[in-house]
Each structure stands twice: as C-alpha cells, then as structure tokens.
N, C-alpha and C. Protein backbone atom coordinates (compact mmCIF):
# COMPACT_ATOMS: atom_id res chain seq x y z
N GLN A 1 54.75 44.49 -3.63
CA GLN A 1 53.77 43.49 -3.24
C GLN A 1 52.37 44.04 -3.39
N VAL A 2 51.41 43.13 -3.42
CA VAL A 2 50.02 43.52 -3.57
C VAL A 2 49.22 42.83 -2.48
N GLN A 3 48.25 43.54 -1.92
CA GLN A 3 47.34 42.99 -0.93
C GLN A 3 45.96 42.84 -1.58
N LEU A 4 45.30 41.74 -1.26
CA LEU A 4 44.03 41.40 -1.90
C LEU A 4 42.95 41.20 -0.84
N VAL A 5 41.78 41.75 -1.10
CA VAL A 5 40.64 41.58 -0.19
C VAL A 5 39.43 41.15 -1.00
N GLU A 6 38.88 39.98 -0.65
CA GLU A 6 37.68 39.49 -1.31
C GLU A 6 36.43 39.94 -0.55
N SER A 7 35.34 40.06 -1.28
CA SER A 7 34.05 40.34 -0.68
C SER A 7 32.96 39.80 -1.59
N GLY A 8 31.75 39.71 -1.04
CA GLY A 8 30.62 39.31 -1.85
C GLY A 8 30.14 37.90 -1.62
N GLY A 9 30.83 37.15 -0.78
CA GLY A 9 30.37 35.80 -0.49
C GLY A 9 29.11 35.79 0.35
N GLY A 10 28.53 34.62 0.51
CA GLY A 10 27.33 34.50 1.32
C GLY A 10 26.58 33.24 1.03
N LEU A 11 25.34 33.22 1.47
CA LEU A 11 24.45 32.07 1.30
C LEU A 11 23.49 32.35 0.15
N VAL A 12 23.38 31.40 -0.76
CA VAL A 12 22.48 31.57 -1.90
C VAL A 12 21.81 30.23 -2.19
N GLN A 13 20.61 30.28 -2.71
CA GLN A 13 19.89 29.05 -3.06
C GLN A 13 20.40 28.49 -4.38
N PRO A 14 20.25 27.18 -4.57
CA PRO A 14 20.63 26.60 -5.87
C PRO A 14 19.94 27.32 -7.02
N GLY A 15 20.71 27.57 -8.07
CA GLY A 15 20.20 28.32 -9.21
C GLY A 15 20.40 29.81 -9.10
N GLY A 16 20.81 30.28 -7.94
CA GLY A 16 21.00 31.70 -7.73
C GLY A 16 22.34 32.21 -8.22
N SER A 17 22.58 33.49 -7.94
CA SER A 17 23.79 34.16 -8.40
C SER A 17 24.45 34.94 -7.27
N LEU A 18 25.73 35.10 -7.38
CA LEU A 18 26.52 35.97 -6.52
C LEU A 18 27.60 36.62 -7.36
N ARG A 19 28.04 37.78 -6.91
CA ARG A 19 29.19 38.42 -7.54
C ARG A 19 30.25 38.64 -6.49
N LEU A 20 31.40 38.02 -6.68
CA LEU A 20 32.54 38.24 -5.79
C LEU A 20 33.39 39.39 -6.33
N SER A 21 33.96 40.12 -5.40
CA SER A 21 34.88 41.20 -5.76
C SER A 21 36.24 40.94 -5.12
N CYS A 22 37.27 41.33 -5.79
CA CYS A 22 38.64 41.26 -5.28
C CYS A 22 39.27 42.63 -5.50
N THR A 23 39.54 43.31 -4.42
CA THR A 23 40.12 44.65 -4.51
C THR A 23 41.57 44.60 -4.07
N ALA A 24 42.42 45.19 -4.87
CA ALA A 24 43.86 45.14 -4.63
C ALA A 24 44.38 46.48 -4.16
N SER A 25 45.44 46.43 -3.36
CA SER A 25 46.14 47.63 -2.93
C SER A 25 47.63 47.31 -2.88
N GLY A 26 48.42 48.37 -2.79
CA GLY A 26 49.86 48.16 -2.76
C GLY A 26 50.46 48.45 -4.12
N ASP A 27 51.02 47.46 -4.71
CA ASP A 27 51.68 47.60 -6.00
C ASP A 27 50.66 47.91 -7.10
N SER A 28 51.14 48.35 -8.25
CA SER A 28 50.26 48.70 -9.36
C SER A 28 49.41 47.51 -9.79
N PHE A 29 48.12 47.72 -9.79
CA PHE A 29 47.18 46.64 -10.08
C PHE A 29 47.38 46.08 -11.48
N THR A 30 47.73 46.95 -12.41
CA THR A 30 47.85 46.51 -13.80
C THR A 30 49.08 45.64 -14.04
N ASN A 31 49.93 45.50 -13.03
CA ASN A 31 51.09 44.61 -13.16
C ASN A 31 50.71 43.14 -13.01
N TYR A 32 49.47 42.87 -12.57
CA TYR A 32 49.13 41.52 -12.12
C TYR A 32 47.99 40.89 -12.91
N ALA A 33 48.16 39.60 -13.15
CA ALA A 33 47.04 38.76 -13.52
C ALA A 33 46.33 38.36 -12.23
N ILE A 34 45.02 38.32 -12.27
CA ILE A 34 44.22 38.02 -11.07
C ILE A 34 43.45 36.72 -11.29
N GLY A 35 43.56 35.84 -10.33
CA GLY A 35 42.89 34.55 -10.44
C GLY A 35 41.93 34.31 -9.29
N TRP A 36 41.09 33.32 -9.46
CA TRP A 36 40.20 32.84 -8.40
C TRP A 36 40.41 31.34 -8.23
N PHE A 37 40.56 30.95 -6.98
CA PHE A 37 40.63 29.55 -6.58
C PHE A 37 39.51 29.30 -5.58
N ARG A 38 39.19 28.02 -5.40
CA ARG A 38 38.26 27.67 -4.34
C ARG A 38 38.75 26.42 -3.64
N GLN A 39 38.34 26.31 -2.38
CA GLN A 39 38.80 25.22 -1.54
C GLN A 39 37.63 24.71 -0.69
N THR A 40 37.44 23.41 -0.72
CA THR A 40 36.45 22.75 0.13
C THR A 40 37.19 21.75 1.00
N PRO A 41 36.85 21.65 2.28
CA PRO A 41 37.54 20.68 3.14
C PRO A 41 37.49 19.27 2.55
N GLY A 42 38.65 18.64 2.51
CA GLY A 42 38.72 17.28 1.99
C GLY A 42 38.89 17.18 0.50
N LYS A 43 38.88 18.32 -0.18
CA LYS A 43 39.07 18.32 -1.63
C LYS A 43 40.29 19.14 -2.01
N ALA A 44 40.85 18.84 -3.17
CA ALA A 44 41.99 19.60 -3.65
C ALA A 44 41.55 21.03 -4.00
N ARG A 45 42.46 21.95 -3.79
CA ARG A 45 42.21 23.33 -4.19
C ARG A 45 42.04 23.39 -5.70
N GLU A 46 41.09 24.17 -6.14
CA GLU A 46 40.76 24.22 -7.57
C GLU A 46 40.95 25.62 -8.12
N GLU A 47 41.71 25.74 -9.19
CA GLU A 47 41.82 27.01 -9.89
C GLU A 47 40.62 27.12 -10.82
N ILE A 48 39.81 28.14 -10.67
CA ILE A 48 38.57 28.20 -11.43
C ILE A 48 38.56 29.27 -12.50
N SER A 49 39.33 30.32 -12.32
CA SER A 49 39.32 31.37 -13.34
C SER A 49 40.53 32.27 -13.17
N CYS A 50 40.91 32.92 -14.26
CA CYS A 50 42.01 33.87 -14.20
C CYS A 50 41.88 34.86 -15.36
N ILE A 51 42.25 36.10 -15.08
CA ILE A 51 42.25 37.12 -16.13
C ILE A 51 43.62 37.78 -16.14
N ASN A 52 44.20 37.90 -17.31
CA ASN A 52 45.56 38.41 -17.38
C ASN A 52 45.59 39.94 -17.36
N ARG A 53 46.78 40.47 -17.43
CA ARG A 53 46.95 41.91 -17.29
C ARG A 53 46.28 42.69 -18.40
N SER A 54 46.26 42.10 -19.58
CA SER A 54 45.69 42.81 -20.73
C SER A 54 44.19 42.61 -20.86
N ASN A 55 43.58 41.88 -19.92
CA ASN A 55 42.13 41.71 -19.90
C ASN A 55 41.62 40.84 -21.05
N GLY A 56 42.51 40.06 -21.64
CA GLY A 56 42.08 39.23 -22.74
C GLY A 56 42.15 37.75 -22.41
N HIS A 57 41.39 36.95 -23.11
CA HIS A 57 41.41 35.49 -23.04
C HIS A 57 41.39 34.98 -21.61
N PRO A 58 40.34 35.24 -20.87
CA PRO A 58 40.26 34.69 -19.51
C PRO A 58 40.21 33.17 -19.53
N TYR A 59 40.69 32.58 -18.44
CA TYR A 59 40.67 31.13 -18.26
C TYR A 59 39.51 30.74 -17.35
N TYR A 60 38.84 29.66 -17.69
CA TYR A 60 37.80 29.09 -16.84
C TYR A 60 38.01 27.59 -16.73
N ALA A 61 37.88 27.07 -15.53
CA ALA A 61 37.87 25.63 -15.34
C ALA A 61 36.60 25.04 -15.96
N PRO A 62 36.68 23.82 -16.44
CA PRO A 62 35.48 23.20 -17.03
C PRO A 62 34.28 23.19 -16.09
N SER A 63 34.54 23.11 -14.80
CA SER A 63 33.45 23.02 -13.82
C SER A 63 32.63 24.30 -13.74
N VAL A 64 33.19 25.44 -14.20
CA VAL A 64 32.47 26.71 -14.08
C VAL A 64 32.24 27.40 -15.42
N ARG A 65 32.85 26.86 -16.48
CA ARG A 65 32.75 27.51 -17.78
C ARG A 65 31.29 27.59 -18.22
N GLY A 66 30.89 28.78 -18.68
CA GLY A 66 29.51 29.01 -19.08
C GLY A 66 28.62 29.51 -17.97
N ARG A 67 29.08 29.40 -16.73
CA ARG A 67 28.29 29.88 -15.58
C ARG A 67 28.95 31.06 -14.89
N PHE A 68 30.27 31.09 -14.88
CA PHE A 68 31.02 32.15 -14.19
C PHE A 68 31.67 33.06 -15.22
N THR A 69 31.76 34.33 -14.88
CA THR A 69 32.42 35.30 -15.74
C THR A 69 33.35 36.17 -14.91
N ILE A 70 34.59 36.26 -15.36
CA ILE A 70 35.57 37.11 -14.67
C ILE A 70 35.76 38.39 -15.47
N SER A 71 35.93 39.49 -14.75
CA SER A 71 36.18 40.76 -15.41
C SER A 71 37.02 41.62 -14.48
N ARG A 72 37.66 42.63 -15.05
CA ARG A 72 38.47 43.52 -14.20
C ARG A 72 38.20 44.97 -14.56
N ASP A 73 38.25 45.80 -13.53
CA ASP A 73 38.11 47.24 -13.67
C ASP A 73 39.40 47.85 -13.13
N ASN A 74 40.33 48.15 -14.01
CA ASN A 74 41.63 48.63 -13.56
C ASN A 74 41.53 50.00 -12.88
N ALA A 75 40.54 50.78 -13.23
CA ALA A 75 40.37 52.09 -12.59
C ALA A 75 39.98 51.93 -11.11
N LYS A 76 39.36 50.81 -10.78
CA LYS A 76 38.93 50.56 -9.40
C LYS A 76 39.81 49.53 -8.69
N ASN A 77 40.87 49.08 -9.37
CA ASN A 77 41.75 48.04 -8.80
C ASN A 77 40.96 46.82 -8.34
N THR A 78 39.98 46.44 -9.12
CA THR A 78 39.05 45.39 -8.70
C THR A 78 38.82 44.40 -9.83
N VAL A 79 38.75 43.14 -9.44
CA VAL A 79 38.34 42.05 -10.33
C VAL A 79 37.05 41.46 -9.77
N TYR A 80 36.15 41.14 -10.67
CA TYR A 80 34.87 40.58 -10.30
C TYR A 80 34.75 39.14 -10.81
N LEU A 81 34.03 38.33 -10.06
CA LEU A 81 33.66 36.99 -10.51
C LEU A 81 32.15 36.88 -10.39
N GLN A 82 31.48 36.98 -11.52
CA GLN A 82 30.04 36.81 -11.55
C GLN A 82 29.73 35.33 -11.63
N MET A 83 28.97 34.84 -10.66
CA MET A 83 28.68 33.41 -10.57
C MET A 83 27.17 33.21 -10.72
N ASN A 84 26.79 32.55 -11.78
CA ASN A 84 25.38 32.27 -12.05
C ASN A 84 25.10 30.77 -11.98
N SER A 85 23.84 30.42 -11.88
CA SER A 85 23.41 29.02 -11.85
C SER A 85 24.20 28.24 -10.81
N LEU A 86 24.31 28.80 -9.64
CA LEU A 86 25.11 28.17 -8.59
C LEU A 86 24.46 26.88 -8.12
N GLN A 87 25.31 25.92 -7.81
CA GLN A 87 24.88 24.60 -7.35
C GLN A 87 25.56 24.28 -6.03
N PRO A 88 25.01 23.33 -5.27
CA PRO A 88 25.63 22.99 -3.97
C PRO A 88 27.11 22.63 -4.09
N GLU A 89 27.51 22.05 -5.20
CA GLU A 89 28.93 21.70 -5.36
C GLU A 89 29.84 22.90 -5.55
N ASP A 90 29.25 24.08 -5.71
CA ASP A 90 30.04 25.31 -5.77
C ASP A 90 30.36 25.85 -4.37
N THR A 91 29.80 25.25 -3.36
CA THR A 91 30.08 25.67 -1.98
C THR A 91 31.56 25.50 -1.68
N ALA A 92 32.19 26.57 -1.22
CA ALA A 92 33.63 26.55 -0.97
C ALA A 92 34.06 27.90 -0.41
N VAL A 93 35.29 27.96 0.05
CA VAL A 93 35.93 29.25 0.30
C VAL A 93 36.61 29.67 -1.00
N TYR A 94 36.31 30.88 -1.43
CA TYR A 94 36.85 31.40 -2.68
C TYR A 94 37.97 32.40 -2.38
N TYR A 95 39.09 32.19 -3.05
CA TYR A 95 40.27 33.01 -2.84
C TYR A 95 40.64 33.76 -4.11
N CYS A 96 40.99 35.00 -3.94
CA CYS A 96 41.52 35.82 -5.01
C CYS A 96 43.05 35.73 -4.96
N THR A 97 43.68 35.68 -6.12
CA THR A 97 45.13 35.57 -6.17
C THR A 97 45.72 36.54 -7.19
N ALA A 98 47.01 36.77 -7.07
CA ALA A 98 47.70 37.67 -8.00
C ALA A 98 49.10 37.16 -8.28
N ASP A 99 49.49 37.33 -9.52
CA ASP A 99 50.86 37.05 -9.94
C ASP A 99 51.06 37.76 -11.27
N PHE A 100 52.24 37.73 -11.79
CA PHE A 100 52.49 38.47 -13.03
C PHE A 100 51.81 37.80 -14.23
N PHE A 101 51.58 36.49 -14.11
CA PHE A 101 50.87 35.76 -15.14
C PHE A 101 49.86 34.84 -14.48
N CYS A 102 48.88 34.38 -15.24
CA CYS A 102 47.98 33.36 -14.72
C CYS A 102 48.78 32.09 -14.48
N THR A 103 48.68 31.56 -13.29
CA THR A 103 49.48 30.41 -12.89
C THR A 103 48.72 29.61 -11.84
N SER A 104 49.06 28.32 -11.73
CA SER A 104 48.43 27.48 -10.71
C SER A 104 49.07 27.67 -9.34
N THR A 105 50.15 28.42 -9.28
CA THR A 105 50.84 28.68 -8.01
C THR A 105 51.12 30.18 -7.85
N PRO A 106 50.07 30.97 -7.70
CA PRO A 106 50.28 32.42 -7.58
C PRO A 106 50.98 32.79 -6.29
N ASP A 107 51.65 33.93 -6.31
CA ASP A 107 52.42 34.35 -5.15
C ASP A 107 51.56 35.00 -4.07
N PHE A 108 50.51 35.69 -4.48
CA PHE A 108 49.74 36.50 -3.52
C PHE A 108 48.31 35.99 -3.43
N TRP A 109 47.82 35.92 -2.18
CA TRP A 109 46.49 35.39 -1.90
C TRP A 109 45.72 36.33 -0.99
N GLY A 110 44.41 36.40 -1.20
CA GLY A 110 43.54 37.06 -0.25
C GLY A 110 43.19 36.13 0.88
N GLN A 111 42.33 36.62 1.79
CA GLN A 111 41.99 35.84 2.98
C GLN A 111 40.85 34.87 2.73
N GLY A 112 40.15 35.02 1.61
CA GLY A 112 39.07 34.12 1.25
C GLY A 112 37.71 34.63 1.68
N THR A 113 36.68 34.21 0.94
CA THR A 113 35.30 34.52 1.28
C THR A 113 34.46 33.27 1.07
N GLN A 114 33.58 33.00 2.02
CA GLN A 114 32.78 31.77 2.00
C GLN A 114 31.59 31.94 1.07
N VAL A 115 31.38 30.96 0.21
CA VAL A 115 30.19 30.87 -0.62
C VAL A 115 29.49 29.56 -0.27
N THR A 116 28.24 29.67 0.13
CA THR A 116 27.45 28.49 0.48
C THR A 116 26.19 28.46 -0.38
N VAL A 117 26.02 27.35 -1.10
CA VAL A 117 24.85 27.18 -1.95
C VAL A 117 23.98 26.08 -1.33
N SER A 118 22.84 26.48 -0.83
CA SER A 118 22.00 25.54 -0.11
C SER A 118 20.57 26.05 -0.08
N SER A 119 19.64 25.11 -0.09
CA SER A 119 18.23 25.49 0.05
C SER A 119 17.80 25.45 1.50
C-alpha cells in the first residue's frame, strides 16, 4: 500500500499561482500512477490530471489544460501540480491519488488540501 500526503494549498488571488505537492510513502513510488482530483461542495468530483509511472503523456482535464502542469520526481517520491492563472472556479479541495494506472477510480487517496481563489 501507499500513503499520500498533499501540501501547498492556500489562498491565492485570481490570476495567481500555487504549486501542490503529493509525497508518497510505503510501497515503491515508481509502481504507481499519480493523479489529482478536486471536489467542491455540491459538485461532482473532477479528475483533473494524472501522470503515469513512466512519466510520459500526462492527462489534463479540459478545464485545466494549458494552465496546470503535473510532474513527478521519483527520487523524492513526490508529484507536483503547478497551477497557474488560477480562477475562482478552481476553488476546491484537491486530492492526490495513486493506482497502478491512471484511472477515474484510484485505490489510494490523500487527505486533501484546500485551494481558495479569491480577491
């Protein structure tokens, strides 16, 4: 099994940037594809990005494509989500996930980190 801890959330003004981190422990990090989901009360959970084990062909949801970038540092057991040009509609709890492949139903979840975009 793998344990996931997110960090880097906070309050940012519209147009600003944040970088989320997801650090894994437990099982070998390179065994897992790492994804990011977000959840806002009253809305469906949204899969926004995923990077596979080989670090190639990351997935981005249309809502974040061109603004968010996912990357992984296997030496640090960490995946990053660089979020630029943030807008109020990006406000959500962001969750890091892990599974053997990028999937809409990953097995492992972090506890989440709040991102609030507001002036």
